[in-house]
Amino acid sequence: MTKVSAASRRAAQTAAMIETIEAWRCVGCGRLQAERPCVGICTDRRVELVEAQTVADLAWRVERLEAALALIARVMPKESELMTNWLALQARARALLDEA
């Protein structure tokens, strides 16, 4: 059985709150088309769209960064281990930042 972290649950809840629409994108020019039935009172407005995969990737990154931040906030090493722990936390933070 896999243990689901609180950050994972928050990321899933955030993803569930984000409204998505299915659309078709031209691989040549990038044009987007999403057919919806018109109810006769339509007004066109400019919107900014983000691909769902981009949001999912960012949610995953935030989850990993929050986990690293939680370690910094919650771990209290013995005084004799302060430098060792600090260097380990720095290495973890650098690895996460290098993933970007």
N, C-alpha and C. Protein backbone atom coordinates (compact mmCIF):
# COMPACT_ATOMS: atom_id res chain seq x y z
N MET A 1 0.84 -1.18 0.00
CA MET A 1 0.00 0.00 0.00
C MET A 1 0.89 1.24 0.00
N THR A 2 0.60 2.20 -0.86
CA THR A 2 1.39 3.41 -0.98
C THR A 2 0.86 4.47 -0.03
N LYS A 3 1.75 5.10 0.71
CA LYS A 3 1.36 6.17 1.60
C LYS A 3 1.31 7.47 0.80
N VAL A 4 0.19 8.18 0.88
CA VAL A 4 0.01 9.42 0.14
C VAL A 4 0.28 10.58 1.08
N SER A 5 1.19 11.46 0.69
CA SER A 5 1.53 12.60 1.54
C SER A 5 0.45 13.66 1.49
N ALA A 6 0.45 14.53 2.49
CA ALA A 6 -0.49 15.65 2.50
C ALA A 6 -0.28 16.53 1.29
N ALA A 7 0.97 16.71 0.88
CA ALA A 7 1.27 17.53 -0.30
C ALA A 7 0.67 16.89 -1.55
N SER A 8 0.73 15.57 -1.65
CA SER A 8 0.13 14.87 -2.79
C SER A 8 -1.37 15.07 -2.82
N ARG A 9 -1.98 14.99 -1.65
CA ARG A 9 -3.43 15.20 -1.59
C ARG A 9 -3.79 16.63 -1.98
N ARG A 10 -2.99 17.61 -1.51
CA ARG A 10 -3.25 19.01 -1.88
C ARG A 10 -3.09 19.21 -3.38
N ALA A 11 -2.06 18.61 -3.96
CA ALA A 11 -1.84 18.74 -5.40
C ALA A 11 -3.01 18.15 -6.17
N ALA A 12 -3.52 17.01 -5.72
CA ALA A 12 -4.66 16.38 -6.39
C ALA A 12 -5.91 17.25 -6.24
N GLN A 13 -6.11 17.83 -5.06
CA GLN A 13 -7.26 18.71 -4.85
C GLN A 13 -7.16 19.95 -5.72
N THR A 14 -5.97 20.52 -5.82
CA THR A 14 -5.77 21.69 -6.67
C THR A 14 -6.06 21.35 -8.12
N ALA A 15 -5.56 20.22 -8.58
CA ALA A 15 -5.80 19.81 -9.97
C ALA A 15 -7.29 19.61 -10.21
N ALA A 16 -8.01 19.08 -9.22
CA ALA A 16 -9.45 18.86 -9.38
C ALA A 16 -10.21 20.18 -9.46
N MET A 17 -9.69 21.25 -8.84
CA MET A 17 -10.36 22.54 -8.85
C MET A 17 -10.13 23.31 -10.14
N ILE A 18 -9.12 22.95 -10.89
CA ILE A 18 -8.79 23.67 -12.10
C ILE A 18 -9.73 23.24 -13.21
N GLU A 19 -10.40 24.21 -13.81
CA GLU A 19 -11.31 23.89 -14.91
C GLU A 19 -10.50 23.59 -16.17
N THR A 20 -10.81 22.48 -16.79
CA THR A 20 -10.15 22.14 -18.04
C THR A 20 -11.20 21.98 -19.13
N ILE A 21 -10.79 22.21 -20.36
CA ILE A 21 -11.65 21.96 -21.51
C ILE A 21 -10.85 21.13 -22.50
N GLU A 22 -11.56 20.33 -23.26
CA GLU A 22 -10.88 19.57 -24.30
C GLU A 22 -10.88 20.41 -25.56
N ALA A 23 -9.74 20.52 -26.18
CA ALA A 23 -9.61 21.31 -27.40
C ALA A 23 -8.66 20.60 -28.35
N TRP A 24 -8.63 21.07 -29.57
CA TRP A 24 -7.73 20.53 -30.57
C TRP A 24 -6.75 21.63 -30.95
N ARG A 25 -5.48 21.26 -31.06
CA ARG A 25 -4.44 22.23 -31.40
C ARG A 25 -3.79 21.80 -32.71
N CYS A 26 -3.64 22.76 -33.62
CA CYS A 26 -2.96 22.51 -34.88
C CYS A 26 -1.46 22.38 -34.59
N VAL A 27 -0.86 21.30 -35.06
CA VAL A 27 0.57 21.10 -34.82
C VAL A 27 1.40 22.03 -35.69
N GLY A 28 0.81 22.62 -36.70
CA GLY A 28 1.54 23.54 -37.57
C GLY A 28 1.56 24.96 -37.04
N CYS A 29 0.36 25.54 -36.85
CA CYS A 29 0.29 26.95 -36.47
C CYS A 29 -0.05 27.18 -35.00
N GLY A 30 -0.51 26.14 -34.30
CA GLY A 30 -0.84 26.28 -32.88
C GLY A 30 -2.27 26.72 -32.62
N ARG A 31 -3.08 26.87 -33.68
CA ARG A 31 -4.47 27.29 -33.51
C ARG A 31 -5.19 26.31 -32.59
N LEU A 32 -6.02 26.86 -31.69
CA LEU A 32 -6.82 26.04 -30.79
C LEU A 32 -8.28 26.11 -31.19
N GLN A 33 -8.97 25.00 -31.05
CA GLN A 33 -10.39 24.98 -31.36
C GLN A 33 -11.09 24.10 -30.34
N ALA A 34 -12.10 24.66 -29.71
CA ALA A 34 -12.89 23.91 -28.74
C ALA A 34 -14.36 24.20 -29.02
N GLU A 35 -15.03 23.24 -29.59
CA GLU A 35 -16.43 23.43 -29.96
C GLU A 35 -17.32 23.31 -28.72
N ARG A 36 -18.21 24.27 -28.57
CA ARG A 36 -19.21 24.26 -27.51
C ARG A 36 -20.53 24.68 -28.13
N PRO A 37 -21.64 24.16 -27.63
CA PRO A 37 -22.93 24.59 -28.16
C PRO A 37 -23.22 26.04 -27.76
N CYS A 38 -23.70 26.82 -28.72
CA CYS A 38 -24.02 28.23 -28.47
C CYS A 38 -25.44 28.33 -27.92
N VAL A 39 -25.62 29.13 -26.89
CA VAL A 39 -26.95 29.33 -26.33
C VAL A 39 -27.57 30.64 -26.79
N GLY A 40 -26.92 31.32 -27.72
CA GLY A 40 -27.47 32.52 -28.33
C GLY A 40 -27.13 33.83 -27.65
N ILE A 41 -26.42 33.80 -26.55
CA ILE A 41 -26.07 35.04 -25.86
C ILE A 41 -24.55 35.16 -25.72
N CYS A 42 -23.85 34.53 -26.61
CA CYS A 42 -22.39 34.44 -26.49
C CYS A 42 -21.70 35.76 -26.76
N THR A 43 -20.63 36.00 -26.02
CA THR A 43 -19.72 37.12 -26.22
C THR A 43 -18.32 36.54 -26.15
N ASP A 44 -17.51 36.85 -27.13
CA ASP A 44 -16.14 36.35 -27.13
C ASP A 44 -15.27 37.20 -26.22
N ARG A 45 -14.45 36.55 -25.42
CA ARG A 45 -13.48 37.22 -24.56
C ARG A 45 -12.14 36.55 -24.74
N ARG A 46 -11.12 37.34 -24.61
CA ARG A 46 -9.76 36.79 -24.68
C ARG A 46 -9.48 36.03 -23.38
N VAL A 47 -8.90 34.85 -23.51
CA VAL A 47 -8.52 34.06 -22.34
C VAL A 47 -7.08 33.59 -22.52
N GLU A 48 -6.42 33.34 -21.41
CA GLU A 48 -5.08 32.77 -21.45
C GLU A 48 -5.20 31.31 -21.08
N LEU A 49 -4.63 30.45 -21.88
CA LEU A 49 -4.72 29.01 -21.66
C LEU A 49 -3.36 28.44 -21.30
N VAL A 50 -3.39 27.45 -20.45
CA VAL A 50 -2.18 26.73 -20.06
C VAL A 50 -2.48 25.25 -20.25
N GLU A 51 -1.53 24.52 -20.80
CA GLU A 51 -1.73 23.09 -20.99
C GLU A 51 -1.81 22.39 -19.63
N ALA A 52 -2.70 21.43 -19.54
CA ALA A 52 -2.90 20.69 -18.28
C ALA A 52 -1.60 20.02 -17.83
N GLN A 53 -0.79 19.54 -18.76
CA GLN A 53 0.47 18.90 -18.39
C GLN A 53 1.42 19.88 -17.72
N THR A 54 1.39 21.15 -18.17
CA THR A 54 2.22 22.18 -17.54
C THR A 54 1.81 22.37 -16.09
N VAL A 55 0.51 22.43 -15.84
CA VAL A 55 0.00 22.58 -14.48
C VAL A 55 0.39 21.36 -13.64
N ALA A 56 0.24 20.18 -14.19
CA ALA A 56 0.59 18.95 -13.47
C ALA A 56 2.08 18.93 -13.13
N ASP A 57 2.92 19.34 -14.08
CA ASP A 57 4.37 19.38 -13.84
C ASP A 57 4.71 20.35 -12.72
N LEU A 58 4.07 21.52 -12.74
CA LEU A 58 4.34 22.51 -11.70
C LEU A 58 3.83 22.05 -10.34
N ALA A 59 2.67 21.39 -10.32
CA ALA A 59 2.14 20.86 -9.05
C ALA A 59 3.10 19.83 -8.46
N TRP A 60 3.67 18.99 -9.33
CA TRP A 60 4.65 17.99 -8.87
C TRP A 60 5.88 18.68 -8.31
N ARG A 61 6.34 19.73 -8.97
CA ARG A 61 7.52 20.46 -8.51
C ARG A 61 7.25 21.13 -7.16
N VAL A 62 6.10 21.76 -7.02
CA VAL A 62 5.73 22.40 -5.76
C VAL A 62 5.69 21.36 -4.64
N GLU A 63 5.14 20.19 -4.93
CA GLU A 63 5.06 19.13 -3.93
C GLU A 63 6.46 18.73 -3.45
N ARG A 64 7.38 18.57 -4.37
CA ARG A 64 8.75 18.17 -4.00
C ARG A 64 9.44 19.28 -3.21
N LEU A 65 9.26 20.54 -3.63
CA LEU A 65 9.87 21.66 -2.92
C LEU A 65 9.27 21.82 -1.53
N GLU A 66 7.95 21.61 -1.40
CA GLU A 66 7.32 21.67 -0.08
C GLU A 66 7.86 20.59 0.84
N ALA A 67 8.11 19.42 0.30
CA ALA A 67 8.66 18.33 1.11
C ALA A 67 10.05 18.70 1.64
N ALA A 68 10.86 19.32 0.79
CA ALA A 68 12.20 19.75 1.22
C ALA A 68 12.09 20.86 2.26
N LEU A 69 11.17 21.78 2.05
CA LEU A 69 10.98 22.86 3.00
C LEU A 69 10.48 22.32 4.35
N ALA A 70 9.62 21.31 4.31
CA ALA A 70 9.13 20.69 5.54
C ALA A 70 10.27 20.08 6.34
N LEU A 71 11.25 19.50 5.66
CA LEU A 71 12.41 18.97 6.37
C LEU A 71 13.16 20.08 7.10
N ILE A 72 13.35 21.19 6.41
CA ILE A 72 14.06 22.31 7.04
C ILE A 72 13.28 22.81 8.25
N ALA A 73 11.96 22.88 8.13
CA ALA A 73 11.13 23.41 9.20
C ALA A 73 11.00 22.45 10.38
N ARG A 74 11.01 21.15 10.13
CA ARG A 74 10.66 20.19 11.18
C ARG A 74 11.83 19.40 11.76
N VAL A 75 12.94 19.32 11.06
CA VAL A 75 14.06 18.52 11.55
C VAL A 75 14.91 19.36 12.50
N MET A 76 15.16 18.82 13.67
CA MET A 76 16.02 19.49 14.64
C MET A 76 17.14 18.53 15.01
N PRO A 77 18.27 18.62 14.32
CA PRO A 77 19.37 17.69 14.59
C PRO A 77 20.07 18.02 15.91
N LYS A 78 20.81 17.05 16.39
CA LYS A 78 21.65 17.29 17.56
C LYS A 78 22.70 18.32 17.19
N GLU A 79 23.14 19.05 18.18
CA GLU A 79 24.13 20.11 17.91
C GLU A 79 25.39 19.56 17.24
N SER A 80 25.76 18.35 17.60
CA SER A 80 26.97 17.77 17.02
C SER A 80 26.77 17.41 15.54
N GLU A 81 25.52 17.37 15.08
CA GLU A 81 25.22 16.99 13.70
C GLU A 81 24.71 18.16 12.85
N LEU A 82 24.75 19.37 13.39
CA LEU A 82 24.19 20.52 12.67
C LEU A 82 24.80 20.69 11.28
N MET A 83 26.12 20.69 11.19
CA MET A 83 26.77 20.93 9.90
C MET A 83 26.48 19.80 8.91
N THR A 84 26.52 18.57 9.38
CA THR A 84 26.23 17.43 8.51
C THR A 84 24.81 17.52 7.96
N ASN A 85 23.86 17.85 8.84
CA ASN A 85 22.47 17.97 8.40
C ASN A 85 22.28 19.15 7.46
N TRP A 86 22.91 20.26 7.78
CA TRP A 86 22.80 21.44 6.92
C TRP A 86 23.33 21.14 5.52
N LEU A 87 24.47 20.48 5.44
CA LEU A 87 25.04 20.14 4.13
C LEU A 87 24.13 19.18 3.36
N ALA A 88 23.50 18.24 4.06
CA ALA A 88 22.58 17.31 3.41
C ALA A 88 21.35 18.05 2.88
N LEU A 89 20.82 18.99 3.68
CA LEU A 89 19.67 19.78 3.22
C LEU A 89 20.04 20.64 2.03
N GLN A 90 21.23 21.23 2.06
CA GLN A 90 21.69 22.03 0.92
C GLN A 90 21.81 21.17 -0.34
N ALA A 91 22.36 19.98 -0.20
CA ALA A 91 22.51 19.09 -1.35
C ALA A 91 21.14 18.73 -1.92
N ARG A 92 20.19 18.46 -1.04
CA ARG A 92 18.83 18.13 -1.52
C ARG A 92 18.21 19.32 -2.23
N ALA A 93 18.35 20.51 -1.66
CA ALA A 93 17.80 21.72 -2.28
C ALA A 93 18.44 21.97 -3.64
N ARG A 94 19.75 21.81 -3.72
CA ARG A 94 20.43 22.01 -5.01
C ARG A 94 19.94 21.01 -6.06
N ALA A 95 19.76 19.77 -5.65
CA ALA A 95 19.28 18.75 -6.59
C ALA A 95 17.89 19.10 -7.11
N LEU A 96 17.02 19.58 -6.22
CA LEU A 96 15.68 19.98 -6.65
C LEU A 96 15.73 21.18 -7.59
N LEU A 97 16.58 22.14 -7.28
CA LEU A 97 16.69 23.32 -8.14
C LEU A 97 17.29 22.97 -9.49
N ASP A 98 18.20 22.01 -9.51
CA ASP A 98 18.82 21.59 -10.77
C ASP A 98 17.85 20.85 -11.68
N GLU A 99 16.76 20.30 -11.11
CA GLU A 99 15.76 19.60 -11.92
C GLU A 99 14.99 20.55 -12.83
N ALA A 100 15.01 21.82 -12.49
CA ALA A 100 14.20 22.81 -13.25
C ALA A 100 14.65 22.96 -14.66
